[in-house]
Amino acid sequence: MPLGSVDYRILQTTYQNFKPEDPKQQEFIDFLHGLYVLEYRNRQNWYDVHPIVVELLHEEGLIDNSE
């Protein structure tokens, strides 16, 4: 799936905060279904970006390599 600026922003926010700004946003739900983002449930729900997508975010300069 080609990614646009809104998509990159959602992925970047999810990576940095372990949650999106709006978990009910259709683009975010599409990322969950496409396994771009993984959902974890323990004491609370949290999310992380798939490692392959993290590499893409690094390549795009959206996250620092030290993160």
N, C-alpha and C. Protein backbone atom coordinates (compact mmCIF):
# COMPACT_ATOMS: atom_id res chain seq x y z
N MET A 1 0.85 -1.17 0.00
CA MET A 1 0.00 0.00 0.00
C MET A 1 0.90 1.24 0.00
N PRO A 2 0.71 2.14 -0.95
CA PRO A 2 1.50 3.37 -0.94
C PRO A 2 1.13 4.25 0.26
N LEU A 3 2.12 4.90 0.84
CA LEU A 3 1.89 5.70 2.04
C LEU A 3 1.98 7.18 1.71
N GLY A 4 1.04 7.96 2.26
CA GLY A 4 1.04 9.40 2.11
C GLY A 4 1.50 10.07 3.39
N SER A 5 1.49 11.39 3.39
CA SER A 5 1.99 12.13 4.55
C SER A 5 1.16 11.87 5.81
N VAL A 6 -0.16 11.72 5.66
CA VAL A 6 -1.01 11.41 6.82
C VAL A 6 -0.65 10.04 7.37
N ASP A 7 -0.40 9.08 6.48
CA ASP A 7 -0.03 7.73 6.91
C ASP A 7 1.28 7.74 7.69
N TYR A 8 2.28 8.44 7.16
CA TYR A 8 3.56 8.53 7.86
C TYR A 8 3.40 9.18 9.22
N ARG A 9 2.56 10.20 9.31
CA ARG A 9 2.33 10.89 10.59
C ARG A 9 1.69 9.94 11.61
N ILE A 10 0.73 9.14 11.17
CA ILE A 10 0.09 8.16 12.06
C ILE A 10 1.12 7.15 12.55
N LEU A 11 1.93 6.63 11.64
CA LEU A 11 2.94 5.63 12.01
C LEU A 11 4.00 6.23 12.93
N GLN A 12 4.43 7.45 12.64
CA GLN A 12 5.42 8.11 13.48
C GLN A 12 4.88 8.34 14.89
N THR A 13 3.66 8.82 15.01
CA THR A 13 3.04 9.06 16.31
C THR A 13 2.88 7.76 17.08
N THR A 14 2.44 6.72 16.39
CA THR A 14 2.26 5.42 17.04
C THR A 14 3.59 4.88 17.54
N TYR A 15 4.62 5.01 16.73
CA TYR A 15 5.96 4.54 17.12
C TYR A 15 6.46 5.28 18.35
N GLN A 16 6.29 6.59 18.38
CA GLN A 16 6.83 7.40 19.46
C GLN A 16 6.02 7.32 20.75
N ASN A 17 4.69 7.18 20.64
CA ASN A 17 3.82 7.24 21.82
C ASN A 17 3.18 5.90 22.19
N PHE A 18 3.40 4.88 21.40
CA PHE A 18 2.77 3.57 21.59
C PHE A 18 1.25 3.63 21.49
N LYS A 19 0.77 4.69 20.85
CA LYS A 19 -0.66 4.82 20.56
C LYS A 19 -0.84 5.90 19.50
N PRO A 20 -1.88 5.78 18.71
CA PRO A 20 -2.16 6.82 17.72
C PRO A 20 -2.94 7.96 18.37
N GLU A 21 -3.06 9.06 17.64
CA GLU A 21 -3.90 10.15 18.14
C GLU A 21 -5.36 9.71 18.21
N ASP A 22 -5.80 8.95 17.20
CA ASP A 22 -7.19 8.48 17.13
C ASP A 22 -7.22 7.02 16.71
N PRO A 23 -7.37 6.09 17.68
CA PRO A 23 -7.36 4.66 17.33
C PRO A 23 -8.56 4.22 16.50
N LYS A 24 -9.57 5.09 16.36
CA LYS A 24 -10.73 4.73 15.54
C LYS A 24 -10.65 5.31 14.13
N GLN A 25 -9.56 6.01 13.84
CA GLN A 25 -9.35 6.57 12.50
C GLN A 25 -9.19 5.42 11.50
N GLN A 26 -9.87 5.50 10.39
CA GLN A 26 -9.89 4.39 9.43
C GLN A 26 -8.48 4.03 8.94
N GLU A 27 -7.63 5.01 8.71
CA GLU A 27 -6.27 4.71 8.26
C GLU A 27 -5.52 3.88 9.29
N PHE A 28 -5.70 4.21 10.57
CA PHE A 28 -5.04 3.44 11.62
C PHE A 28 -5.58 2.01 11.66
N ILE A 29 -6.86 1.86 11.55
CA ILE A 29 -7.48 0.52 11.53
C ILE A 29 -6.95 -0.29 10.35
N ASP A 30 -6.78 0.36 9.20
CA ASP A 30 -6.21 -0.31 8.04
C ASP A 30 -4.79 -0.78 8.32
N PHE A 31 -4.01 0.02 9.07
CA PHE A 31 -2.66 -0.39 9.44
C PHE A 31 -2.69 -1.61 10.36
N LEU A 32 -3.66 -1.68 11.26
CA LEU A 32 -3.80 -2.86 12.12
C LEU A 32 -4.12 -4.09 11.29
N HIS A 33 -5.05 -3.96 10.38
CA HIS A 33 -5.45 -5.10 9.55
C HIS A 33 -4.32 -5.54 8.62
N GLY A 34 -3.52 -4.58 8.15
CA GLY A 34 -2.41 -4.89 7.26
C GLY A 34 -1.13 -5.26 8.00
N LEU A 35 -1.19 -5.28 9.32
CA LEU A 35 -0.06 -5.63 10.20
C LEU A 35 1.11 -4.65 10.11
N TYR A 36 0.84 -3.42 9.68
CA TYR A 36 1.84 -2.37 9.78
C TYR A 36 2.03 -2.00 11.24
N VAL A 37 0.94 -2.09 12.00
CA VAL A 37 0.93 -1.79 13.43
C VAL A 37 0.42 -3.02 14.16
N LEU A 38 1.05 -3.32 15.29
CA LEU A 38 0.66 -4.48 16.09
C LEU A 38 0.02 -3.99 17.39
N GLU A 39 -1.04 -4.68 17.79
CA GLU A 39 -1.76 -4.30 19.02
C GLU A 39 -1.39 -5.29 20.12
N TYR A 40 -1.11 -4.75 21.29
CA TYR A 40 -0.79 -5.56 22.46
C TYR A 40 -1.80 -5.26 23.55
N ARG A 41 -2.15 -6.30 24.29
CA ARG A 41 -3.11 -6.12 25.39
C ARG A 41 -2.55 -6.80 26.63
N ASN A 42 -2.31 -5.99 27.62
CA ASN A 42 -1.99 -6.52 28.94
C ASN A 42 -2.79 -5.66 29.92
N ARG A 43 -2.19 -4.95 30.81
CA ARG A 43 -2.99 -4.10 31.71
C ARG A 43 -3.73 -3.02 30.94
N GLN A 44 -3.18 -2.63 29.84
CA GLN A 44 -3.83 -1.66 28.97
C GLN A 44 -3.46 -1.97 27.52
N ASN A 45 -4.22 -1.43 26.60
CA ASN A 45 -3.91 -1.63 25.19
C ASN A 45 -2.81 -0.67 24.79
N TRP A 46 -1.87 -1.16 23.99
CA TRP A 46 -0.84 -0.30 23.41
C TRP A 46 -0.48 -0.88 22.06
N TYR A 47 0.21 -0.08 21.28
CA TYR A 47 0.50 -0.43 19.89
C TYR A 47 1.98 -0.20 19.60
N ASP A 48 2.48 -0.95 18.63
CA ASP A 48 3.85 -0.74 18.17
C ASP A 48 3.87 -0.94 16.66
N VAL A 49 4.81 -0.32 16.03
CA VAL A 49 4.95 -0.42 14.58
C VAL A 49 5.79 -1.65 14.25
N HIS A 50 5.39 -2.38 13.23
CA HIS A 50 6.11 -3.58 12.79
C HIS A 50 7.56 -3.20 12.49
N PRO A 51 8.53 -4.06 12.85
CA PRO A 51 9.95 -3.73 12.64
C PRO A 51 10.30 -3.36 11.20
N ILE A 52 9.68 -3.96 10.23
CA ILE A 52 9.97 -3.61 8.83
C ILE A 52 9.52 -2.18 8.55
N VAL A 53 8.41 -1.77 9.12
CA VAL A 53 7.90 -0.41 8.93
C VAL A 53 8.79 0.57 9.69
N VAL A 54 9.35 0.16 10.82
CA VAL A 54 10.29 1.02 11.55
C VAL A 54 11.47 1.36 10.65
N GLU A 55 11.99 0.39 9.91
CA GLU A 55 13.09 0.63 8.98
C GLU A 55 12.70 1.69 7.94
N LEU A 56 11.47 1.61 7.44
CA LEU A 56 10.97 2.57 6.48
C LEU A 56 10.92 3.97 7.10
N LEU A 57 10.46 4.07 8.34
CA LEU A 57 10.42 5.36 9.02
C LEU A 57 11.82 5.94 9.20
N HIS A 58 12.81 5.08 9.49
CA HIS A 58 14.20 5.51 9.58
C HIS A 58 14.67 6.05 8.23
N GLU A 59 14.39 5.30 7.18
CA GLU A 59 14.81 5.71 5.83
C GLU A 59 14.20 7.04 5.42
N GLU A 60 12.98 7.29 5.85
CA GLU A 60 12.28 8.54 5.52
C GLU A 60 12.70 9.70 6.42
N GLY A 61 13.54 9.41 7.42
CA GLY A 61 14.00 10.45 8.35
C GLY A 61 12.96 10.90 9.35
N LEU A 62 11.97 10.06 9.59
CA LEU A 62 10.87 10.42 10.50
C LEU A 62 11.14 10.03 11.94
N ILE A 63 12.08 9.11 12.14
CA ILE A 63 12.48 8.74 13.49
C ILE A 63 14.00 8.65 13.49
N ASP A 64 14.59 8.91 14.63
CA ASP A 64 16.03 8.91 14.81
C ASP A 64 16.51 7.46 14.93
N ASN A 65 17.66 7.18 14.39
CA ASN A 65 18.23 5.83 14.48
C ASN A 65 18.50 5.40 15.90
N SER A 66 18.65 6.35 16.82
CA SER A 66 18.93 5.99 18.21
C SER A 66 17.68 5.62 18.98
N GLU A 67 16.49 5.80 18.37
CA GLU A 67 15.23 5.46 19.07
C GLU A 67 15.04 3.98 19.08
